[in-house]
């Protein structure tokens, strides 16, 4: 299972990729420059292709940001589970010590209740 730091690293990489993709598309049409001859069918096709690329880049960047948010949520879930698991392990060690300290052959007044292991749902 990936760790919280794995999810954090993925979120950082996805966020960076979204930012770079957005940055690359800023002013794309302006890059045609003053030496580019405008007009005619070819210019129209080029502008249409740039518009489509900008739309695709925008939707892809949004998808990357969405996946980064999901990674951050999963990192938080893993951290929460790790904290709960640490508490469970401490409680389990205490329970084992208590059970091991019971005298053998003598009925205990009340058997200690074993702790429940925490569940995990990403």
PDB file of N, CA and C in Angstrom:
ATOM      1  N   UNK A   1       0.849  -1.166   0.000  1.00  0.00           N
ATOM      2  CA  UNK A   1       0.000   0.000   0.000  1.00  0.00           C
ATOM      3  C   UNK A   1       0.902   1.239   0.000  1.00  0.00           C
ATOM      4  N   UNK A   2       0.580   2.222  -0.816  1.00  0.00           N
ATOM      5  CA  UNK A   2       1.395   3.447  -0.830  1.00  0.00           C
ATOM      6  C   UNK A   2       1.317   4.165   0.519  1.00  0.00           C
ATOM      7  N   UNK A   3       2.401   4.806   0.866  1.00  0.00           N
ATOM      8  CA  UNK A   3       2.442   5.550   2.123  1.00  0.00           C
ATOM      9  C   UNK A   3       1.878   6.958   1.909  1.00  0.00           C
ATOM     10  N   UNK A   4       1.688   7.669   3.008  1.00  0.00           N
ATOM     11  CA  UNK A   4       1.205   9.051   2.923  1.00  0.00           C
ATOM     12  C   UNK A   4       2.206   9.911   2.154  1.00  0.00           C
ATOM     13  N   UNK A   5       3.494   9.670   2.357  1.00  0.00           N
ATOM     14  CA  UNK A   5       4.490  10.461   1.631  1.00  0.00           C
ATOM     15  C   UNK A   5       4.474  10.138   0.138  1.00  0.00           C
ATOM     16  N   UNK A   6       4.145   8.894  -0.232  1.00  0.00           N
ATOM     17  CA  UNK A   6       3.991   8.546  -1.649  1.00  0.00           C
ATOM     18  C   UNK A   6       2.840   9.337  -2.263  1.00  0.00           C
ATOM     19  N   UNK A   7       1.711   9.400  -1.538  1.00  0.00           N
ATOM     20  CA  UNK A   7       0.567  10.167  -2.032  1.00  0.00           C
ATOM     21  C   UNK A   7       0.900  11.656  -2.096  1.00  0.00           C
ATOM     22  N   UNK A   8       1.622  12.167  -1.103  1.00  0.00           N
ATOM     23  CA  UNK A   8       2.022  13.573  -1.113  1.00  0.00           C
ATOM     24  C   UNK A   8       2.923  13.883  -2.313  1.00  0.00           C
ATOM     25  N   UNK A   9       3.863  12.981  -2.588  1.00  0.00           N
ATOM     26  CA  UNK A   9       4.767  13.182  -3.727  1.00  0.00           C
ATOM     27  C   UNK A   9       3.993  13.162  -5.044  1.00  0.00           C
ATOM     28  N   UNK A  10       3.041  12.264  -5.157  1.00  0.00           N
ATOM     29  CA  UNK A  10       2.223  12.201  -6.372  1.00  0.00           C
ATOM     30  C   UNK A  10       1.396  13.473  -6.524  1.00  0.00           C
ATOM     31  N   UNK A  11       0.826  13.968  -5.435  1.00  0.00           N
ATOM     32  CA  UNK A  11       0.034  15.201  -5.477  1.00  0.00           C
ATOM     33  C   UNK A  11       0.899  16.376  -5.921  1.00  0.00           C
ATOM     34  N   UNK A  12       2.118  16.443  -5.401  1.00  0.00           N
ATOM     35  CA  UNK A  12       3.039  17.518  -5.779  1.00  0.00           C
ATOM     36  C   UNK A  12       3.378  17.439  -7.266  1.00  0.00           C
ATOM     37  N   UNK A  13       3.676  16.240  -7.750  1.00  0.00           N
ATOM     38  CA  UNK A  13       4.017  16.057  -9.160  1.00  0.00           C
ATOM     39  C   UNK A  13       2.835  16.402 -10.069  1.00  0.00           C
ATOM     40  N   UNK A  14       1.641  15.984  -9.685  1.00  0.00           N
ATOM     41  CA  UNK A  14       0.447  16.270 -10.491  1.00  0.00           C
ATOM     42  C   UNK A  14       0.137  17.762 -10.508  1.00  0.00           C
ATOM     43  N   UNK A  15       0.277  18.410  -9.367  1.00  0.00           N
ATOM     44  CA  UNK A  15       0.038  19.856  -9.289  1.00  0.00           C
ATOM     45  C   UNK A  15       1.045  20.610 -10.146  1.00  0.00           C
ATOM     46  N   UNK A  16       2.296  20.187 -10.088  1.00  0.00           N
ATOM     47  CA  UNK A  16       3.344  20.826 -10.895  1.00  0.00           C
ATOM     48  C   UNK A  16       3.063  20.627 -12.385  1.00  0.00           C
ATOM     49  N   UNK A  17       2.662  19.429 -12.770  1.00  0.00           N
ATOM     50  CA  UNK A  17       2.357  19.146 -14.179  1.00  0.00           C
ATOM     51  C   UNK A  17       1.194  20.006 -14.664  1.00  0.00           C
ATOM     52  N   UNK A  18       0.171  20.161 -13.832  1.00  0.00           N
ATOM     53  CA  UNK A  18      -0.979  20.997 -14.206  1.00  0.00           C
ATOM     54  C   UNK A  18      -0.553  22.447 -14.390  1.00  0.00           C
ATOM     55  N   UNK A  19       0.291  22.947 -13.482  1.00  0.00           N
ATOM     56  CA  UNK A  19       0.760  24.331 -13.579  1.00  0.00           C
ATOM     57  C   UNK A  19       1.609  24.539 -14.835  1.00  0.00           C
ATOM     58  N   UNK A  20       2.491  23.589 -15.113  1.00  0.00           N
ATOM     59  CA  UNK A  20       3.337  23.711 -16.303  1.00  0.00           C
ATOM     60  C   UNK A  20       2.504  23.653 -17.581  1.00  0.00           C
ATOM     61  N   UNK A  21       1.538  22.774 -17.624  1.00  0.00           N
ATOM     62  CA  UNK A  21       0.681  22.658 -18.800  1.00  0.00           C
ATOM     63  C   UNK A  21      -0.098  23.946 -19.029  1.00  0.00           C
ATOM     64  N   UNK A  22      -0.612  24.512 -17.952  1.00  0.00           N
ATOM     65  CA  UNK A  22      -1.337  25.775 -18.056  1.00  0.00           C
ATOM     66  C   UNK A  22      -0.411  26.886 -18.529  1.00  0.00           C
ATOM     67  N   UNK A  23       0.798  26.908 -17.983  1.00  0.00           N
ATOM     68  CA  UNK A  23       1.774  27.940 -18.358  1.00  0.00           C
ATOM     69  C   UNK A  23       2.166  27.835 -19.834  1.00  0.00           C
ATOM     70  N   UNK A  24       2.335  26.618 -20.317  1.00  0.00           N
ATOM     71  CA  UNK A  24       2.727  26.432 -21.719  1.00  0.00           C
ATOM     72  C   UNK A  24       1.681  26.956 -22.687  1.00  0.00           C
ATOM     73  N   UNK A  25       0.417  26.901 -22.275  1.00  0.00           N
ATOM     74  CA  UNK A  25      -0.649  27.293 -23.187  1.00  0.00           C
ATOM     75  C   UNK A  25      -0.972  28.788 -23.137  1.00  0.00           C
ATOM     76  N   UNK A  26      -0.442  29.508 -22.143  1.00  0.00           N
ATOM     77  CA  UNK A  26      -0.720  30.934 -22.036  1.00  0.00           C
ATOM     78  C   UNK A  26      -0.093  31.662 -23.223  1.00  0.00           C
ATOM     79  N   UNK A  27      -0.922  32.417 -23.932  1.00  0.00           N
ATOM     80  CA  UNK A  27      -0.440  33.230 -25.054  1.00  0.00           C
ATOM     81  C   UNK A  27       0.023  32.437 -26.258  1.00  0.00           C
ATOM     82  N   UNK A  28      -0.479  31.220 -26.421  1.00  0.00           N
ATOM     83  CA  UNK A  28      -0.039  30.389 -27.539  1.00  0.00           C
ATOM     84  C   UNK A  28      -0.285  31.081 -28.869  1.00  0.00           C
ATOM     85  N   UNK A  29      -1.445  31.676 -29.007  1.00  0.00           N
ATOM     86  CA  UNK A  29      -1.781  32.339 -30.267  1.00  0.00           C
ATOM     87  C   UNK A  29      -0.836  33.508 -30.542  1.00  0.00           C
ATOM     88  N   UNK A  30      -0.370  34.179 -29.487  1.00  0.00           N
ATOM     89  CA  UNK A  30       0.553  35.309 -29.646  1.00  0.00           C
ATOM     90  C   UNK A  30       1.914  34.862 -30.166  1.00  0.00           C
ATOM     91  N   UNK A  31       2.202  33.588 -30.075  1.00  0.00           N
ATOM     92  CA  UNK A  31       3.512  33.094 -30.515  1.00  0.00           C
ATOM     93  C   UNK A  31       3.616  33.006 -32.033  1.00  0.00           C
ATOM     94  N   UNK A  32       2.501  33.261 -32.711  1.00  0.00           N
ATOM     95  CA  UNK A  32       2.584  33.286 -34.176  1.00  0.00           C
ATOM     96  C   UNK A  32       3.514  34.418 -34.621  1.00  0.00           C
ATOM     97  N   UNK A  33       3.587  35.485 -33.863  1.00  0.00           N
ATOM     98  CA  UNK A  33       4.526  36.569 -34.114  1.00  0.00           C
ATOM     99  C   UNK A  33       4.102  37.491 -35.236  1.00  0.00           C
ATOM    100  N   UNK A  34       4.798  38.621 -35.342  1.00  0.00           N
ATOM    101  CA  UNK A  34       4.446  39.624 -36.349  1.00  0.00           C
ATOM    102  C   UNK A  34       4.790  39.182 -37.778  1.00  0.00           C
ATOM    103  N   UNK A  35       5.699  38.230 -37.908  1.00  0.00           N
ATOM    104  CA  UNK A  35       6.101  37.782 -39.246  1.00  0.00           C
ATOM    105  C   UNK A  35       5.145  36.756 -39.828  1.00  0.00           C
ATOM    106  N   UNK A  36       4.177  36.307 -39.024  1.00  0.00           N
ATOM    107  CA  UNK A  36       3.222  35.320 -39.505  1.00  0.00           C
ATOM    108  C   UNK A  36       2.157  36.020 -40.332  1.00  0.00           C
ATOM    109  N   UNK A  37       1.983  35.542 -41.519  1.00  0.00           N
ATOM    110  CA  UNK A  37       0.971  36.112 -42.411  1.00  0.00           C
ATOM    111  C   UNK A  37      -0.372  35.533 -42.013  1.00  0.00           C
ATOM    112  N   UNK A  38      -1.333  36.433 -41.781  1.00  0.00           N
ATOM    113  CA  UNK A  38      -2.661  36.000 -41.369  1.00  0.00           C
ATOM    114  C   UNK A  38      -3.620  36.091 -42.535  1.00  0.00           C
ATOM    115  N   UNK A  39      -4.616  35.253 -42.462  1.00  0.00           N
ATOM    116  CA  UNK A  39      -5.651  35.265 -43.485  1.00  0.00           C
ATOM    117  C   UNK A  39      -5.663  33.945 -44.228  1.00  0.00           C
ATOM    118  N   UNK A  40      -6.773  33.657 -44.819  1.00  0.00           N
ATOM    119  CA  UNK A  40      -6.886  32.455 -45.621  1.00  0.00           C
ATOM    120  C   UNK A  40      -7.240  31.234 -44.800  1.00  0.00           C
ATOM    121  N   UNK A  41      -7.412  30.141 -45.497  1.00  0.00           N
ATOM    122  CA  UNK A  41      -7.860  28.884 -44.899  1.00  0.00           C
ATOM    123  C   UNK A  41      -6.807  28.304 -43.945  1.00  0.00           C
ATOM    124  N   UNK A  42      -5.524  28.424 -44.302  1.00  0.00           N
ATOM    125  CA  UNK A  42      -4.479  27.855 -43.456  1.00  0.00           C
ATOM    126  C   UNK A  42      -4.447  28.536 -42.089  1.00  0.00           C
ATOM    127  N   UNK A  43      -4.578  29.856 -42.060  1.00  0.00           N
ATOM    128  CA  UNK A  43      -4.597  30.580 -40.791  1.00  0.00           C
ATOM    129  C   UNK A  43      -5.791  30.148 -39.962  1.00  0.00           C
ATOM    130  N   UNK A  44      -6.922  29.989 -40.600  1.00  0.00           N
ATOM    131  CA  UNK A  44      -8.125  29.552 -39.893  1.00  0.00           C
ATOM    132  C   UNK A  44      -7.923  28.158 -39.290  1.00  0.00           C
ATOM    133  N   UNK A  45      -7.317  27.262 -40.052  1.00  0.00           N
ATOM    134  CA  UNK A  45      -7.049  25.912 -39.559  1.00  0.00           C
ATOM    135  C   UNK A  45      -6.070  25.965 -38.392  1.00  0.00           C
ATOM    136  N   UNK A  46      -5.043  26.799 -38.499  1.00  0.00           N
ATOM    137  CA  UNK A  46      -4.055  26.926 -37.405  1.00  0.00           C
ATOM    138  C   UNK A  46      -4.708  27.462 -36.139  1.00  0.00           C
ATOM    139  N   UNK A  47      -5.533  28.487 -36.281  1.00  0.00           N
ATOM    140  CA  UNK A  47      -6.207  29.051 -35.109  1.00  0.00           C
ATOM    141  C   UNK A  47      -7.155  28.026 -34.478  1.00  0.00           C
ATOM    142  N   UNK A  48      -7.835  27.262 -35.299  1.00  0.00           N
ATOM    143  CA  UNK A  48      -8.739  26.232 -34.791  1.00  0.00           C
ATOM    144  C   UNK A  48      -7.947  25.159 -34.040  1.00  0.00           C
ATOM    145  N   UNK A  49      -6.805  24.770 -34.597  1.00  0.00           N
ATOM    146  CA  UNK A  49      -5.970  23.760 -33.941  1.00  0.00           C
ATOM    147  C   UNK A  49      -5.447  24.276 -32.597  1.00  0.00           C
ATOM    148  N   UNK A  50      -5.047  25.548 -32.558  1.00  0.00           N
ATOM    149  CA  UNK A  50      -4.565  26.137 -31.308  1.00  0.00           C
ATOM    150  C   UNK A  50      -5.704  26.199 -30.289  1.00  0.00           C
ATOM    151  N   UNK A  51      -6.891  26.592 -30.724  1.00  0.00           N
ATOM    152  CA  UNK A  51      -8.049  26.644 -29.817  1.00  0.00           C
ATOM    153  C   UNK A  51      -8.342  25.266 -29.232  1.00  0.00           C
ATOM    154  N   UNK A  52      -8.311  24.242 -30.067  1.00  0.00           N
ATOM    155  CA  UNK A  52      -8.564  22.878 -29.601  1.00  0.00           C
ATOM    156  C   UNK A  52      -7.474  22.423 -28.629  1.00  0.00           C
ATOM    157  N   UNK A  53      -6.224  22.782 -28.934  1.00  0.00           N
ATOM    158  CA  UNK A  53      -5.118  22.418 -28.038  1.00  0.00           C
ATOM    159  C   UNK A  53      -5.263  23.121 -26.694  1.00  0.00           C
ATOM    160  N   UNK A  54      -5.684  24.395 -26.717  1.00  0.00           N
ATOM    161  CA  UNK A  54      -5.893  25.122 -25.463  1.00  0.00           C
ATOM    162  C   UNK A  54      -7.009  24.481 -24.643  1.00  0.00           C
ATOM    163  N   UNK A  55      -8.093  24.082 -25.290  1.00  0.00           N
ATOM    164  CA  UNK A  55      -9.198  23.430 -24.585  1.00  0.00           C
ATOM    165  C   UNK A  55      -8.751  22.091 -23.995  1.00  0.00           C
ATOM    166  N   UNK A  56      -8.000  21.327 -24.776  1.00  0.00           N
ATOM    167  CA  UNK A  56      -7.508  20.040 -24.296  1.00  0.00           C
ATOM    168  C   UNK A  56      -6.546  20.233 -23.127  1.00  0.00           C
ATOM    169  N   UNK A  57      -5.662  21.217 -23.234  1.00  0.00           N
ATOM    170  CA  UNK A  57      -4.714  21.490 -22.153  1.00  0.00           C
ATOM    171  C   UNK A  57      -5.442  21.929 -20.889  1.00  0.00           C
ATOM    172  N   UNK A  58      -6.465  22.754 -21.053  1.00  0.00           N
ATOM    173  CA  UNK A  58      -7.233  23.220 -19.897  1.00  0.00           C
ATOM    174  C   UNK A  58      -7.937  22.059 -19.201  1.00  0.00           C
ATOM    175  N   UNK A  59      -8.587  21.191 -19.980  1.00  0.00           N
ATOM    176  CA  UNK A  59      -9.294  20.063 -19.365  1.00  0.00           C
ATOM    177  C   UNK A  59      -8.307  19.060 -18.757  1.00  0.00           C
ATOM    178  N   UNK A  60      -7.162  18.870 -19.388  1.00  0.00           N
ATOM    179  CA  UNK A  60      -6.148  17.963 -18.842  1.00  0.00           C
ATOM    180  C   UNK A  60      -5.564  18.522 -17.548  1.00  0.00           C
ATOM    181  N   UNK A  61      -5.294  19.825 -17.523  1.00  0.00           N
ATOM    182  CA  UNK A  61      -4.763  20.450 -16.305  1.00  0.00           C
ATOM    183  C   UNK A  61      -5.771  20.327 -15.169  1.00  0.00           C
ATOM    184  N   UNK A  62      -7.056  20.495 -15.481  1.00  0.00           N
ATOM    185  CA  UNK A  62      -8.083  20.347 -14.450  1.00  0.00           C
ATOM    186  C   UNK A  62      -8.136  18.908 -13.940  1.00  0.00           C
ATOM    187  N   UNK A  63      -8.005  17.939 -14.832  1.00  0.00           N
ATOM    188  CA  UNK A  63      -7.989  16.532 -14.421  1.00  0.00           C
ATOM    189  C   UNK A  63      -6.771  16.246 -13.540  1.00  0.00           C
ATOM    190  N   UNK A  64      -5.633  16.823 -13.880  1.00  0.00           N
ATOM    191  CA  UNK A  64      -4.427  16.642 -13.060  1.00  0.00           C
ATOM    192  C   UNK A  64      -4.624  17.243 -11.669  1.00  0.00           C
ATOM    193  N   UNK A  65      -5.230  18.435 -11.598  1.00  0.00           N
ATOM    194  CA  UNK A  65      -5.493  19.060 -10.299  1.00  0.00           C
ATOM    195  C   UNK A  65      -6.474  18.209  -9.483  1.00  0.00           C
ATOM    196  N   UNK A  66      -7.452  17.636 -10.149  1.00  0.00           N
ATOM    197  CA  UNK A  66      -8.419  16.773  -9.463  1.00  0.00           C
ATOM    198  C   UNK A  66      -7.735  15.531  -8.897  1.00  0.00           C
ATOM    199  N   UNK A  67      -6.849  14.931  -9.669  1.00  0.00           N
ATOM    200  CA  UNK A  67      -6.119  13.759  -9.187  1.00  0.00           C
ATOM    201  C   UNK A  67      -5.179  14.130  -8.041  1.00  0.00           C
ATOM    202  N   UNK A  68      -4.592  15.330  -8.100  1.00  0.00           N
ATOM    203  CA  UNK A  68      -3.732  15.791  -7.007  1.00  0.00           C
ATOM    204  C   UNK A  68      -4.539  15.939  -5.719  1.00  0.00           C
ATOM    205  N   UNK A  69      -5.754  16.473  -5.838  1.00  0.00           N
ATOM    206  CA  UNK A  69      -6.622  16.614  -4.659  1.00  0.00           C
ATOM    207  C   UNK A  69      -6.966  15.243  -4.085  1.00  0.00           C
ATOM    208  N   UNK A  70      -7.230  14.287  -4.955  1.00  0.00           N
ATOM    209  CA  UNK A  70      -7.525  12.924  -4.499  1.00  0.00           C
ATOM    210  C   UNK A  70      -6.317  12.327  -3.773  1.00  0.00           C
ATOM    211  N   UNK A  71      -5.127  12.558  -4.294  1.00  0.00           N
ATOM    212  CA  UNK A  71      -3.910  12.058  -3.637  1.00  0.00           C
ATOM    213  C   UNK A  71      -3.745  12.690  -2.253  1.00  0.00           C
ATOM    214  N   UNK A  72      -4.056  13.995  -2.135  1.00  0.00           N
ATOM    215  CA  UNK A  72      -3.953  14.643  -0.827  1.00  0.00           C
ATOM    216  C   UNK A  72      -4.975  14.052   0.154  1.00  0.00           C
ATOM    217  N   UNK A  73      -6.183  13.753  -0.331  1.00  0.00           N
ATOM    218  CA  UNK A  73      -7.187  13.118   0.530  1.00  0.00           C
ATOM    219  C   UNK A  73      -6.717  11.741   0.985  1.00  0.00           C
ATOM    220  N   UNK A  74      -6.135  10.985   0.073  1.00  0.00           N
ATOM    221  CA  UNK A  74      -5.665   9.640   0.430  1.00  0.00           C
ATOM    222  C   UNK A  74      -4.484   9.698   1.391  1.00  0.00           C
ATOM    223  N   UNK A  75      -3.622  10.698   1.213  1.00  0.00           N
ATOM    224  CA  UNK A  75      -2.505  10.863   2.151  1.00  0.00           C
ATOM    225  C   UNK A  75      -3.046  11.120   3.555  1.00  0.00           C
ATOM    226  N   UNK A  76      -4.067  11.952   3.649  1.00  0.00           N
ATOM    227  CA  UNK A  76      -4.677  12.240   4.957  1.00  0.00           C
ATOM    228  C   UNK A  76      -5.314  10.975   5.540  1.00  0.00           C
ATOM    229  N   UNK A  77      -5.969  10.175   4.696  1.00  0.00           N
ATOM    230  CA  UNK A  77      -6.594   8.937   5.166  1.00  0.00           C
ATOM    231  C   UNK A  77      -5.541   7.959   5.674  1.00  0.00           C
ATOM    232  N   UNK A  78      -4.426   7.855   4.968  1.00  0.00           N
ATOM    233  CA  UNK A  78      -3.353   6.951   5.395  1.00  0.00           C
ATOM    234  C   UNK A  78      -2.765   7.433   6.718  1.00  0.00           C
ATOM    235  N   UNK A  79      -2.556   8.748   6.845  1.00  0.00           N
ATOM    236  CA  UNK A  79      -2.023   9.278   8.108  1.00  0.00           C
ATOM    237  C   UNK A  79      -2.975   8.980   9.276  1.00  0.00           C
ATOM    238  N   UNK A  80      -4.259   9.169   9.034  1.00  0.00           N
ATOM    239  CA  UNK A  80      -5.254   8.893  10.067  1.00  0.00           C
ATOM    240  C   UNK A  80      -5.222   7.420  10.464  1.00  0.00           C
ATOM    241  N   UNK A  81      -5.143   6.544   9.464  1.00  0.00           N
ATOM    242  CA  UNK A  81      -5.096   5.109   9.746  1.00  0.00           C
ATOM    243  C   UNK A  81      -3.822   4.750  10.508  1.00  0.00           C
ATOM    244  N   UNK A  82      -2.693   5.332  10.088  1.00  0.00           N
ATOM    245  CA  UNK A  82      -1.434   5.040  10.771  1.00  0.00           C
ATOM    246  C   UNK A  82      -1.497   5.454  12.237  1.00  0.00           C
ATOM    247  N   UNK A  83      -2.137   6.592  12.524  1.00  0.00           N
ATOM    248  CA  UNK A  83      -2.283   7.041  13.908  1.00  0.00           C
ATOM    249  C   UNK A  83      -3.181   6.069  14.683  1.00  0.00           C
ATOM    250  N   UNK A  84      -4.293   5.671  14.061  1.00  0.00           N
ATOM    251  CA  UNK A  84      -5.203   4.721  14.721  1.00  0.00           C
ATOM    252  C   UNK A  84      -4.522   3.377  14.933  1.00  0.00           C
ATOM    253  N   UNK A  85      -3.724   2.952  13.967  1.00  0.00           N
ATOM    254  CA  UNK A  85      -3.020   1.680  14.090  1.00  0.00           C
ATOM    255  C   UNK A  85      -1.989   1.736  15.209  1.00  0.00           C
ATOM    256  N   UNK A  86      -1.325   2.868  15.344  1.00  0.00           N
ATOM    257  CA  UNK A  86      -0.364   3.021  16.446  1.00  0.00           C
ATOM    258  C   UNK A  86      -1.051   2.915  17.804  1.00  0.00           C
ATOM    259  N   UNK A  87      -2.218   3.542  17.930  1.00  0.00           N
ATOM    260  CA  UNK A  87      -2.985   3.452  19.180  1.00  0.00           C
ATOM    261  C   UNK A  87      -3.439   2.015  19.429  1.00  0.00           C
ATOM    262  N   UNK A  88      -3.874   1.352  18.358  1.00  0.00           N
ATOM    263  CA  UNK A  88      -4.307  -0.046  18.485  1.00  0.00           C
ATOM    264  C   UNK A  88      -3.151  -0.926  18.943  1.00  0.00           C
ATOM    265  N   UNK A  89      -1.983  -0.738  18.334  1.00  0.00           N
ATOM    266  CA  UNK A  89      -0.836  -1.568  18.703  1.00  0.00           C
ATOM    267  C   UNK A  89      -0.445  -1.362  20.163  1.00  0.00           C
ATOM    268  N   UNK A  90      -0.514  -0.122  20.635  1.00  0.00           N
ATOM    269  CA  UNK A  90      -0.212   0.149  22.043  1.00  0.00           C
ATOM    270  C   UNK A  90      -1.254  -0.519  22.952  1.00  0.00           C
ATOM    271  N   UNK A  91      -2.528  -0.397  22.568  1.00  0.00           N
ATOM    272  CA  UNK A  91      -3.601  -1.025  23.360  1.00  0.00           C
ATOM    273  C   UNK A  91      -3.465  -2.545  23.340  1.00  0.00           C
ATOM    274  N   UNK A  92      -3.071  -3.092  22.193  1.00  0.00           N
ATOM    275  CA  UNK A  92      -2.906  -4.540  22.071  1.00  0.00           C
ATOM    276  C   UNK A  92      -1.755  -5.022  22.955  1.00  0.00           C
ATOM    277  N   UNK A  93      -0.667  -4.271  22.987  1.00  0.00           N
ATOM    278  CA  UNK A  93       0.461  -4.628  23.858  1.00  0.00           C
ATOM    279  C   UNK A  93       0.040  -4.598  25.325  1.00  0.00           C
ATOM    280  N   UNK A  94      -0.738  -3.574  25.714  1.00  0.00           N
ATOM    281  CA  UNK A  94      -1.243  -3.497  27.094  1.00  0.00           C
ATOM    282  C   UNK A  94      -2.143  -4.696  27.406  1.00  0.00           C
ATOM    283  N   UNK A  95      -3.003  -5.055  26.470  1.00  0.00           N
ATOM    284  CA  UNK A  95      -3.912  -6.184  26.658  1.00  0.00           C
ATOM    285  C   UNK A  95      -3.122  -7.476  26.843  1.00  0.00           C
ATOM    286  N   UNK A  96      -2.114  -7.698  25.969  1.00  0.00           N
ATOM    287  CA  UNK A  96      -1.285  -8.906  26.072  1.00  0.00           C
ATOM    288  C   UNK A  96      -0.587  -8.966  27.430  1.00  0.00           C
ATOM    289  N   UNK A  97      -0.048  -7.827  27.881  1.00  0.00           N
ATOM    290  CA  UNK A  97       0.618  -7.783  29.188  1.00  0.00           C
ATOM    291  C   UNK A  97      -0.353  -8.147  30.307  1.00  0.00           C
ATOM    292  N   UNK A  98      -1.571  -7.609  30.211  1.00  0.00           N
ATOM    293  CA  UNK A  98      -2.584  -7.901  31.228  1.00  0.00           C
ATOM    294  C   UNK A  98      -2.944  -9.378  31.235  1.00  0.00           C
ATOM    295  N   UNK A  99      -3.159  -9.946  30.038  1.00  0.00           N
ATOM    296  CA  UNK A  99      -3.513 -11.366  29.931  1.00  0.00           C
ATOM    297  C   UNK A  99      -2.354 -12.237  30.413  1.00  0.00           C
ATOM    298  N   UNK A 100      -1.138 -11.888  30.050  1.00  0.00           N
ATOM    299  CA  UNK A 100       0.020 -12.675  30.470  1.00  0.00           C
ATOM    300  C   UNK A 100       0.255 -12.609  31.981  1.00  0.00           C
ATOM    301  N   UNK A 101      -0.187 -11.526  32.609  1.00  0.00           N
ATOM    302  CA  UNK A 101      -0.007 -11.366  34.056  1.00  0.00           C
ATOM    303  C   UNK A 101      -1.075 -12.104  34.873  1.00  0.00           C
ATOM    304  N   UNK A 102      -2.110 -12.630  34.213  1.00  0.00           N
ATOM    305  CA  UNK A 102      -3.152 -13.369  34.944  1.00  0.00           C
ATOM    306  C   UNK A 102      -2.555 -14.672  35.483  1.00  0.00           C
ATOM    307  N   UNK A 103      -2.874 -15.016  36.718  1.00  0.00           N
ATOM    308  CA  UNK A 103      -2.338 -16.273  37.278  1.00  0.00           C
ATOM    309  C   UNK A 103      -2.970 -17.468  36.562  1.00  0.00           C
ATOM    310  N   UNK A 104      -2.160 -18.454  36.259  1.00  0.00           N
ATOM    311  CA  UNK A 104      -2.685 -19.628  35.562  1.00  0.00           C
ATOM    312  C   UNK A 104      -3.437 -20.519  36.538  1.00  0.00           C
ATOM    313  N   UNK A 105      -4.512 -21.105  36.039  1.00  0.00           N
ATOM    314  CA  UNK A 105      -5.303 -22.018  36.843  1.00  0.00           C
ATOM    315  C   UNK A 105      -6.278 -21.327  37.772  1.00  0.00           C
ATOM    316  N   UNK A 106      -6.235 -20.039  37.843  1.00  0.00           N
ATOM    317  CA  UNK A 106      -7.149 -19.311  38.721  1.00  0.00           C
ATOM    318  C   UNK A 106      -8.104 -18.521  37.838  1.00  0.00           C
ATOM    319  N   UNK A 107      -9.368 -18.603  38.140  1.00  0.00           N
ATOM    320  CA  UNK A 107     -10.356 -17.871  37.352  1.00  0.00           C
ATOM    321  C   UNK A 107     -10.187 -16.376  37.588  1.00  0.00           C
ATOM    322  N   UNK A 108     -10.090 -15.656  36.504  1.00  0.00           N
ATOM    323  CA  UNK A 108      -9.947 -14.206  36.607  1.00  0.00           C
ATOM    324  C   UNK A 108     -11.305 -13.582  36.906  1.00  0.00           C
ATOM    325  N   UNK A 109     -11.317 -12.521  37.684  1.00  0.00           N
ATOM    326  CA  UNK A 109     -12.585 -11.879  37.989  1.00  0.00           C
ATOM    327  C   UNK A 109     -13.282 -11.391  36.710  1.00  0.00           C
ATOM    328  N   UNK A 110     -12.532 -10.876  35.794  1.00  0.00           N
ATOM    329  CA  UNK A 110     -13.098 -10.430  34.510  1.00  0.00           C
ATOM    330  C   UNK A 110     -11.970 -10.461  33.481  1.00  0.00           C
ATOM    331  N   UNK A 111     -12.237 -11.154  32.401  1.00  0.00           N
ATOM    332  CA  UNK A 111     -11.231 -11.234  31.335  1.00  0.00           C
ATOM    333  C   UNK A 111     -11.155  -9.877  30.625  1.00  0.00           C
ATOM    334  N   UNK A 112      -9.944  -9.363  30.429  1.00  0.00           N
ATOM    335  CA  UNK A 112      -9.836  -8.073  29.735  1.00  0.00           C
ATOM    336  C   UNK A 112     -10.343  -8.187  28.290  1.00  0.00           C
ATOM    337  N   UNK A 113     -10.922  -7.120  27.816  1.00  0.00           N
ATOM    338  CA  UNK A 113     -11.473  -7.100  26.455  1.00  0.00           C
ATOM    339  C   UNK A 113     -10.356  -6.761  25.476  1.00  0.00           C
ATOM    340  N   UNK A 114     -10.255  -7.602  24.466  1.00  0.00           N
ATOM    341  CA  UNK A 114      -9.234  -7.399  23.441  1.00  0.00           C
ATOM    342  C   UNK A 114      -9.613  -6.192  22.581  1.00  0.00           C
ATOM    343  N   UNK A 115      -8.638  -5.299  22.263  1.00  0.00           N
ATOM    344  CA  UNK A 115      -8.951  -4.121  21.447  1.00  0.00           C
ATOM    345  C   UNK A 115      -9.280  -4.521  20.006  1.00  0.00           C
ATOM    346  N   UNK A 116     -10.102  -3.707  19.357  1.00  0.00           N
ATOM    347  CA  UNK A 116     -10.493  -3.967  17.971  1.00  0.00           C
ATOM    348  C   UNK A 116      -9.523  -3.247  17.037  1.00  0.00           C
ATOM    349  N   UNK A 117      -9.116  -3.954  16.000  1.00  0.00           N
ATOM    350  CA  UNK A 117      -8.206  -3.376  15.018  1.00  0.00           C
ATOM    351  C   UNK A 117      -8.940  -2.317  14.201  1.00  0.00           C
ATOM    352  N   UNK A 118      -8.292  -1.168  13.936  1.00  0.00           N
ATOM    353  CA  UNK A 118      -8.981  -0.127  13.177  1.00  0.00           C
ATOM    354  C   UNK A 118      -9.198  -0.555  11.729  1.00  0.00           C
ATOM    355  N   UNK A 119     -10.287  -0.096  11.150  1.00  0.00           N
ATOM    356  CA  UNK A 119     -10.567  -0.372   9.742  1.00  0.00           C
ATOM    357  C   UNK A 119      -9.945   0.694   8.868  1.00  0.00           C
ATOM    358  N   UNK A 120      -9.842   0.406   7.588  1.00  0.00           N
ATOM    359  CA  UNK A 120      -9.271   1.374   6.646  1.00  0.00           C
ATOM    360  C   UNK A 120     -10.089   1.370   5.374  1.00  0.00           C
ATOM    361  N   UNK A 121     -10.539   2.539   4.988  1.00  0.00           N
ATOM    362  CA  UNK A 121     -11.276   2.689   3.732  1.00  0.00           C
ATOM    363  C   UNK A 121     -10.763   3.946   3.034  1.00  0.00           C
ATOM    364  N   UNK A 122      -9.953   3.769   1.991  1.00  0.00           N
ATOM    365  CA  UNK A 122      -9.379   4.951   1.325  1.00  0.00           C
ATOM    366  C   UNK A 122     -10.411   5.821   0.659  1.00  0.00           C
TER     367      UNK A 122
END
